Amino acid sequence: MLIGAGPLVWEPSFGKQKAALPAGLRRTGMRSPSWREAVALNPRSRIVECESSDGEVLIAVMPEELDHVIKALESA
């Protein structure tokens, strides 16, 4: 997650395009990936569930980066 003067930006680890996250994003929960999600993600990851005016946003995060992402969401 990139934190700067503008909106929060999610930068995937495998070279995909960066995505600006919606304004007013707030965390509503956290969970392990479902079996279906784990096929496409690292099964060790955690899913941070968020809400925004645009609707639900799910962010897959590795455990070692979880604190950084949660702090960024709380300060946004």
PDB file of N, CA and C in Angstrom:
ATOM      1  N   MET A   1       0.846  -1.157   0.000  1.00  0.00           N
ATOM      2  CA  MET A   1       0.000   0.000   0.000  1.00  0.00           C
ATOM      3  C   MET A   1       0.902   1.234   0.000  1.00  0.00           C
ATOM      4  N   LEU A   2       0.607   2.137  -0.902  1.00  0.00           N
ATOM      5  CA  LEU A   2       1.374   3.374  -0.992  1.00  0.00           C
ATOM      6  C   LEU A   2       0.586   4.494  -0.335  1.00  0.00           C
ATOM      7  N   ILE A   3       1.245   5.200   0.560  1.00  0.00           N
ATOM      8  CA  ILE A   3       0.600   6.272   1.308  1.00  0.00           C
ATOM      9  C   ILE A   3       1.272   7.576   0.919  1.00  0.00           C
ATOM     10  N   GLY A   4       0.474   8.545   0.498  1.00  0.00           N
ATOM     11  CA  GLY A   4       1.020   9.834   0.104  1.00  0.00           C
ATOM     12  C   GLY A   4       0.001  10.926   0.323  1.00  0.00           C
ATOM     13  N   ALA A   5       0.201  12.036  -0.383  1.00  0.00           N
ATOM     14  CA  ALA A   5      -0.692  13.180  -0.231  1.00  0.00           C
ATOM     15  C   ALA A   5      -2.071  12.905  -0.823  1.00  0.00           C
ATOM     16  N   GLY A   6      -2.148  12.044  -1.818  1.00  0.00           N
ATOM     17  CA  GLY A   6      -3.420  11.732  -2.462  1.00  0.00           C
ATOM     18  C   GLY A   6      -4.087  10.532  -1.820  1.00  0.00           C
ATOM     19  N   PRO A   7      -4.913   9.853  -2.592  1.00  0.00           N
ATOM     20  CA  PRO A   7      -5.612   8.681  -2.051  1.00  0.00           C
ATOM     21  C   PRO A   7      -4.649   7.512  -1.811  1.00  0.00           C
ATOM     22  N   LEU A   8      -5.083   6.569  -0.976  1.00  0.00           N
ATOM     23  CA  LEU A   8      -4.297   5.350  -0.787  1.00  0.00           C
ATOM     24  C   LEU A   8      -4.232   4.613  -2.119  1.00  0.00           C
ATOM     25  N   VAL A   9      -3.084   4.023  -2.406  1.00  0.00           N
ATOM     26  CA  VAL A   9      -2.896   3.287  -3.656  1.00  0.00           C
ATOM     27  C   VAL A   9      -2.418   1.885  -3.318  1.00  0.00           C
ATOM     28  N   TRP A  10      -3.056   0.890  -3.932  1.00  0.00           N
ATOM     29  CA  TRP A  10      -2.653  -0.493  -3.747  1.00  0.00           C
ATOM     30  C   TRP A  10      -1.744  -0.881  -4.904  1.00  0.00           C
ATOM     31  N   GLU A  11      -0.553  -1.388  -4.559  1.00  0.00           N
ATOM     32  CA  GLU A  11       0.401  -1.830  -5.573  1.00  0.00           C
ATOM     33  C   GLU A  11       0.603  -3.336  -5.421  1.00  0.00           C
ATOM     34  N   PRO A  12       0.056  -4.131  -6.353  1.00  0.00           N
ATOM     35  CA  PRO A  12       0.219  -5.578  -6.274  1.00  0.00           C
ATOM     36  C   PRO A  12       1.685  -5.973  -6.342  1.00  0.00           C
ATOM     37  N   SER A  13       2.016  -7.088  -5.732  1.00  0.00           N
ATOM     38  CA  SER A  13       3.415  -7.511  -5.666  1.00  0.00           C
ATOM     39  C   SER A  13       3.923  -8.118  -6.960  1.00  0.00           C
ATOM     40  N   PHE A  14       3.043  -8.528  -7.847  1.00  0.00           N
ATOM     41  CA  PHE A  14       3.499  -9.194  -9.059  1.00  0.00           C
ATOM     42  C   PHE A  14       3.325  -8.366 -10.313  1.00  0.00           C
ATOM     43  N   GLY A  15       3.705  -7.099 -10.267  1.00  0.00           N
ATOM     44  CA  GLY A  15       3.807  -6.268 -11.449  1.00  0.00           C
ATOM     45  C   GLY A  15       2.511  -5.850 -12.113  1.00  0.00           C
ATOM     46  N   LYS A  16       1.387  -6.104 -11.504  1.00  0.00           N
ATOM     47  CA  LYS A  16       0.143  -5.620 -12.093  1.00  0.00           C
ATOM     48  C   LYS A  16       0.031  -4.132 -11.832  1.00  0.00           C
ATOM     49  N   GLN A  17      -0.943  -3.517 -12.470  1.00  0.00           N
ATOM     50  CA  GLN A  17      -1.117  -2.079 -12.369  1.00  0.00           C
ATOM     51  C   GLN A  17      -1.565  -1.642 -10.974  1.00  0.00           C
ATOM     52  N   LYS A  18      -1.081  -0.479 -10.547  1.00  0.00           N
ATOM     53  CA  LYS A  18      -1.496   0.099  -9.268  1.00  0.00           C
ATOM     54  C   LYS A  18      -2.963   0.508  -9.363  1.00  0.00           C
ATOM     55  N   ALA A  19      -3.638   0.509  -8.215  1.00  0.00           N
ATOM     56  CA  ALA A  19      -5.051   0.897  -8.173  1.00  0.00           C
ATOM     57  C   ALA A  19      -5.279   1.862  -7.027  1.00  0.00           C
ATOM     58  N   ALA A  20      -5.890   3.020  -7.330  1.00  0.00           N
ATOM     59  CA  ALA A  20      -6.254   3.970  -6.280  1.00  0.00           C
ATOM     60  C   ALA A  20      -7.461   3.409  -5.545  1.00  0.00           C
ATOM     61  N   LEU A  21      -7.378   3.387  -4.221  1.00  0.00           N
ATOM     62  CA  LEU A  21      -8.486   2.889  -3.415  1.00  0.00           C
ATOM     63  C   LEU A  21      -9.507   3.998  -3.210  1.00  0.00           C
ATOM     64  N   PRO A  22     -10.779   3.650  -3.082  1.00  0.00           N
ATOM     65  CA  PRO A  22     -11.820   4.672  -2.930  1.00  0.00           C
ATOM     66  C   PRO A  22     -11.619   5.514  -1.665  1.00  0.00           C
ATOM     67  N   ALA A  23     -12.064   6.742  -1.731  1.00  0.00           N
ATOM     68  CA  ALA A  23     -12.003   7.633  -0.572  1.00  0.00           C
ATOM     69  C   ALA A  23     -12.987   7.138   0.488  1.00  0.00           C
ATOM     70  N   GLY A  24     -12.705   7.424   1.734  1.00  0.00           N
ATOM     71  CA  GLY A  24     -13.594   7.054   2.820  1.00  0.00           C
ATOM     72  C   GLY A  24     -13.580   5.565   3.133  1.00  0.00           C
ATOM     73  N   LEU A  25     -12.507   4.900   2.772  1.00  0.00           N
ATOM     74  CA  LEU A  25     -12.388   3.463   3.006  1.00  0.00           C
ATOM     75  C   LEU A  25     -12.257   3.205   4.500  1.00  0.00           C
ATOM     76  N   ARG A  26     -13.071   2.287   5.024  1.00  0.00           N
ATOM     77  CA  ARG A  26     -12.964   1.937   6.440  1.00  0.00           C
ATOM     78  C   ARG A  26     -13.026   0.424   6.588  1.00  0.00           C
ATOM     79  N   ARG A  27     -12.219  -0.078   7.497  1.00  0.00           N
ATOM     80  CA  ARG A  27     -12.135  -1.521   7.716  1.00  0.00           C
ATOM     81  C   ARG A  27     -13.349  -1.999   8.495  1.00  0.00           C
ATOM     82  N   THR A  28     -13.946  -3.080   8.016  1.00  0.00           N
ATOM     83  CA  THR A  28     -15.121  -3.643   8.684  1.00  0.00           C
ATOM     84  C   THR A  28     -14.862  -5.050   9.213  1.00  0.00           C
ATOM     85  N   GLY A  29     -13.781  -5.675   8.782  1.00  0.00           N
ATOM     86  CA  GLY A  29     -13.495  -7.025   9.250  1.00  0.00           C
ATOM     87  C   GLY A  29     -12.202  -7.560   8.679  1.00  0.00           C
ATOM     88  N   MET A  30     -11.872  -8.760   9.113  1.00  0.00           N
ATOM     89  CA  MET A  30     -10.676  -9.427   8.619  1.00  0.00           C
ATOM     90  C   MET A  30     -10.921 -10.929   8.711  1.00  0.00           C
ATOM     91  N   ARG A  31     -10.421 -11.683   7.728  1.00  0.00           N
ATOM     92  CA  ARG A  31     -10.647 -13.113   7.712  1.00  0.00           C
ATOM     93  C   ARG A  31      -9.578 -13.819   6.894  1.00  0.00           C
ATOM     94  N   SER A  32      -9.551 -15.122   6.999  1.00  0.00           N
ATOM     95  CA  SER A  32      -8.701 -15.944   6.142  1.00  0.00           C
ATOM     96  C   SER A  32      -9.388 -16.059   4.784  1.00  0.00           C
ATOM     97  N   PRO A  33      -8.625 -16.316   3.731  1.00  0.00           N
ATOM     98  CA  PRO A  33      -9.262 -16.464   2.417  1.00  0.00           C
ATOM     99  C   PRO A  33     -10.111 -17.737   2.357  1.00  0.00           C
ATOM    100  N   SER A  34     -11.180 -17.659   1.608  1.00  0.00           N
ATOM    101  CA  SER A  34     -11.993 -18.853   1.367  1.00  0.00           C
ATOM    102  C   SER A  34     -11.172 -19.816   0.503  1.00  0.00           C
ATOM    103  N   TRP A  35     -11.642 -21.038   0.383  1.00  0.00           N
ATOM    104  CA  TRP A  35     -10.928 -22.015  -0.433  1.00  0.00           C
ATOM    105  C   TRP A  35     -10.799 -21.503  -1.864  1.00  0.00           C
ATOM    106  N   ARG A  36     -11.862 -20.936  -2.382  1.00  0.00           N
ATOM    107  CA  ARG A  36     -11.865 -20.416  -3.755  1.00  0.00           C
ATOM    108  C   ARG A  36     -10.866 -19.258  -3.910  1.00  0.00           C
ATOM    109  N   GLU A  37     -10.827 -18.351  -2.931  1.00  0.00           N
ATOM    110  CA  GLU A  37      -9.879 -17.234  -2.977  1.00  0.00           C
ATOM    111  C   GLU A  37      -8.445 -17.728  -2.837  1.00  0.00           C
ATOM    112  N   ALA A  38      -8.234 -18.745  -2.003  1.00  0.00           N
ATOM    113  CA  ALA A  38      -6.883 -19.260  -1.750  1.00  0.00           C
ATOM    114  C   ALA A  38      -6.254 -19.865  -2.999  1.00  0.00           C
ATOM    115  N   VAL A  39      -7.070 -20.274  -3.966  1.00  0.00           N
ATOM    116  CA  VAL A  39      -6.541 -20.807  -5.228  1.00  0.00           C
ATOM    117  C   VAL A  39      -5.795 -19.709  -5.985  1.00  0.00           C
ATOM    118  N   ALA A  40      -6.302 -18.481  -5.924  1.00  0.00           N
ATOM    119  CA  ALA A  40      -5.690 -17.363  -6.641  1.00  0.00           C
ATOM    120  C   ALA A  40      -4.716 -16.564  -5.784  1.00  0.00           C
ATOM    121  N   LEU A  41      -4.819 -16.695  -4.459  1.00  0.00           N
ATOM    122  CA  LEU A  41      -3.983 -15.933  -3.532  1.00  0.00           C
ATOM    123  C   LEU A  41      -3.096 -16.890  -2.758  1.00  0.00           C
ATOM    124  N   ASN A  42      -2.164 -16.328  -2.046  1.00  0.00           N
ATOM    125  CA  ASN A  42      -1.385 -17.131  -1.112  1.00  0.00           C
ATOM    126  C   ASN A  42      -2.323 -17.522   0.028  1.00  0.00           C
ATOM    127  N   PRO A  43      -2.469 -18.805   0.334  1.00  0.00           N
ATOM    128  CA  PRO A  43      -3.398 -19.209   1.389  1.00  0.00           C
ATOM    129  C   PRO A  43      -3.043 -18.680   2.777  1.00  0.00           C
ATOM    130  N   ARG A  44      -1.811 -18.209   2.974  1.00  0.00           N
ATOM    131  CA  ARG A  44      -1.424 -17.605   4.258  1.00  0.00           C
ATOM    132  C   ARG A  44      -1.942 -16.182   4.397  1.00  0.00           C
ATOM    133  N   SER A  45      -2.380 -15.576   3.310  1.00  0.00           N
ATOM    134  CA  SER A  45      -2.803 -14.178   3.353  1.00  0.00           C
ATOM    135  C   SER A  45      -4.042 -14.007   4.215  1.00  0.00           C
ATOM    136  N   ARG A  46      -4.323 -12.777   4.548  1.00  0.00           N
ATOM    137  CA  ARG A  46      -5.535 -12.403   5.267  1.00  0.00           C
ATOM    138  C   ARG A  46      -6.309 -11.445   4.371  1.00  0.00           C
ATOM    139  N   ILE A  47      -7.612 -11.524   4.439  1.00  0.00           N
ATOM    140  CA  ILE A  47      -8.469 -10.638   3.661  1.00  0.00           C
ATOM    141  C   ILE A  47      -8.959  -9.544   4.600  1.00  0.00           C
ATOM    142  N   VAL A  48      -8.609  -8.303   4.286  1.00  0.00           N
ATOM    143  CA  VAL A  48      -9.096  -7.152   5.050  1.00  0.00           C
ATOM    144  C   VAL A  48     -10.346  -6.667   4.324  1.00  0.00           C
ATOM    145  N   GLU A  49     -11.479  -6.759   5.013  1.00  0.00           N
ATOM    146  CA  GLU A  49     -12.761  -6.349   4.445  1.00  0.00           C
ATOM    147  C   GLU A  49     -12.991  -4.881   4.765  1.00  0.00           C
ATOM    148  N   CYS A  50     -13.332  -4.105   3.736  1.00  0.00           N
ATOM    149  CA  CYS A  50     -13.539  -2.671   3.897  1.00  0.00           C
ATOM    150  C   CYS A  50     -14.825  -2.242   3.203  1.00  0.00           C
ATOM    151  N   GLU A  51     -15.354  -1.110   3.630  1.00  0.00           N
ATOM    152  CA  GLU A  51     -16.512  -0.479   3.010  1.00  0.00           C
ATOM    153  C   GLU A  51     -16.127   0.917   2.567  1.00  0.00           C
ATOM    154  N   SER A  52     -16.743   1.370   1.504  1.00  0.00           N
ATOM    155  CA  SER A  52     -16.562   2.737   1.029  1.00  0.00           C
ATOM    156  C   SER A  52     -17.862   3.170   0.370  1.00  0.00           C
ATOM    157  N   SER A  53     -17.926   4.412  -0.074  1.00  0.00           N
ATOM    158  CA  SER A  53     -19.123   4.870  -0.774  1.00  0.00           C
ATOM    159  C   SER A  53     -19.295   4.129  -2.104  1.00  0.00           C
ATOM    160  N   ASP A  54     -18.218   3.517  -2.605  1.00  0.00           N
ATOM    161  CA  ASP A  54     -18.281   2.729  -3.842  1.00  0.00           C
ATOM    162  C   ASP A  54     -18.707   1.283  -3.585  1.00  0.00           C
ATOM    163  N   GLY A  55     -18.812   0.884  -2.325  1.00  0.00           N
ATOM    164  CA  GLY A  55     -19.191  -0.484  -1.990  1.00  0.00           C
ATOM    165  C   GLY A  55     -18.080  -1.219  -1.266  1.00  0.00           C
ATOM    166  N   GLU A  56     -18.167  -2.542  -1.258  1.00  0.00           N
ATOM    167  CA  GLU A  56     -17.199  -3.378  -0.547  1.00  0.00           C
ATOM    168  C   GLU A  56     -15.866  -3.446  -1.294  1.00  0.00           C
ATOM    169  N   VAL A  57     -14.781  -3.414  -0.524  1.00  0.00           N
ATOM    170  CA  VAL A  57     -13.426  -3.562  -1.063  1.00  0.00           C
ATOM    171  C   VAL A  57     -12.728  -4.625  -0.227  1.00  0.00           C
ATOM    172  N   LEU A  58     -12.147  -5.613  -0.892  1.00  0.00           N
ATOM    173  CA  LEU A  58     -11.401  -6.665  -0.219  1.00  0.00           C
ATOM    174  C   LEU A  58      -9.931  -6.519  -0.583  1.00  0.00           C
ATOM    175  N   ILE A  59      -9.068  -6.528   0.444  1.00  0.00           N
ATOM    176  CA  ILE A  59      -7.629  -6.372   0.222  1.00  0.00           C
ATOM    177  C   ILE A  59      -6.932  -7.596   0.793  1.00  0.00           C
ATOM    178  N   ALA A  60      -6.232  -8.328  -0.063  1.00  0.00           N
ATOM    179  CA  ALA A  60      -5.476  -9.503   0.386  1.00  0.00           C
ATOM    180  C   ALA A  60      -4.103  -9.044   0.851  1.00  0.00           C
ATOM    181  N   VAL A  61      -3.743  -9.424   2.073  1.00  0.00           N
ATOM    182  CA  VAL A  61      -2.511  -8.946   2.696  1.00  0.00           C
ATOM    183  C   VAL A  61      -1.780 -10.122   3.339  1.00  0.00           C
ATOM    184  N   MET A  62      -0.482 -10.161   3.160  1.00  0.00           N
ATOM    185  CA  MET A  62       0.329 -11.170   3.839  1.00  0.00           C
ATOM    186  C   MET A  62       0.443 -10.786   5.315  1.00  0.00           C
ATOM    187  N   PRO A  63       0.531 -11.772   6.205  1.00  0.00           N
ATOM    188  CA  PRO A  63       0.551 -11.487   7.649  1.00  0.00           C
ATOM    189  C   PRO A  63       1.618 -10.480   8.074  1.00  0.00           C
ATOM    190  N   GLU A  64       2.797 -10.530   7.466  1.00  0.00           N
ATOM    191  CA  GLU A  64       3.868  -9.620   7.867  1.00  0.00           C
ATOM    192  C   GLU A  64       3.607  -8.170   7.450  1.00  0.00           C
ATOM    193  N   GLU A  65       2.631  -7.926   6.569  1.00  0.00           N
ATOM    194  CA  GLU A  65       2.292  -6.568   6.128  1.00  0.00           C
ATOM    195  C   GLU A  65       0.969  -6.083   6.716  1.00  0.00           C
ATOM    196  N   LEU A  66       0.315  -6.921   7.489  1.00  0.00           N
ATOM    197  CA  LEU A  66      -1.019  -6.626   7.989  1.00  0.00           C
ATOM    198  C   LEU A  66      -1.073  -5.380   8.867  1.00  0.00           C
ATOM    199  N   ASP A  67      -0.150  -5.230   9.801  1.00  0.00           N
ATOM    200  CA  ASP A  67      -0.138  -4.045  10.678  1.00  0.00           C
ATOM    201  C   ASP A  67      -0.004  -2.757   9.870  1.00  0.00           C
ATOM    202  N   HIS A  68       0.872  -2.765   8.871  1.00  0.00           N
ATOM    203  CA  HIS A  68       1.086  -1.586   8.022  1.00  0.00           C
ATOM    204  C   HIS A  68      -0.211  -1.194   7.313  1.00  0.00           C
ATOM    205  N   VAL A  69      -0.911  -2.168   6.753  1.00  0.00           N
ATOM    206  CA  VAL A  69      -2.138  -1.889   6.019  1.00  0.00           C
ATOM    207  C   VAL A  69      -3.237  -1.394   6.961  1.00  0.00           C
ATOM    208  N   ILE A  70      -3.381  -2.036   8.102  1.00  0.00           N
ATOM    209  CA  ILE A  70      -4.418  -1.605   9.065  1.00  0.00           C
ATOM    210  C   ILE A  70      -4.152  -0.184   9.544  1.00  0.00           C
ATOM    211  N   LYS A  71      -2.912   0.150   9.848  1.00  0.00           N
ATOM    212  CA  LYS A  71      -2.581   1.513  10.285  1.00  0.00           C
ATOM    213  C   LYS A  71      -2.857   2.517   9.178  1.00  0.00           C
ATOM    214  N   ALA A  72      -2.544   2.165   7.938  1.00  0.00           N
ATOM    215  CA  ALA A  72      -2.796   3.055   6.814  1.00  0.00           C
ATOM    216  C   ALA A  72      -4.295   3.295   6.639  1.00  0.00           C
ATOM    217  N   LEU A  73      -5.100   2.254   6.789  1.00  0.00           N
ATOM    218  CA  LEU A  73      -6.549   2.409   6.659  1.00  0.00           C
ATOM    219  C   LEU A  73      -7.121   3.268   7.785  1.00  0.00           C
ATOM    220  N   GLU A  74      -6.597   3.097   8.985  1.00  0.00           N
ATOM    221  CA  GLU A  74      -7.105   3.871  10.121  1.00  0.00           C
ATOM    222  C   GLU A  74      -6.747   5.341  10.014  1.00  0.00           C
ATOM    223  N   SER A  75      -5.621   5.659   9.396  1.00  0.00           N
ATOM    224  CA  SER A  75      -5.195   7.048   9.303  1.00  0.00           C
ATOM    225  C   SER A  75      -5.686   7.741   8.034  1.00  0.00           C
ATOM    226  N   ALA A  76      -6.310   6.996   7.148  1.00  0.00           N
ATOM    227  CA  ALA A  76      -6.784   7.579   5.872  1.00  0.00           C
ATOM    228  C   ALA A  76      -8.042   8.386   6.061  1.00  0.00           C
TER     229      ALA A  76
END
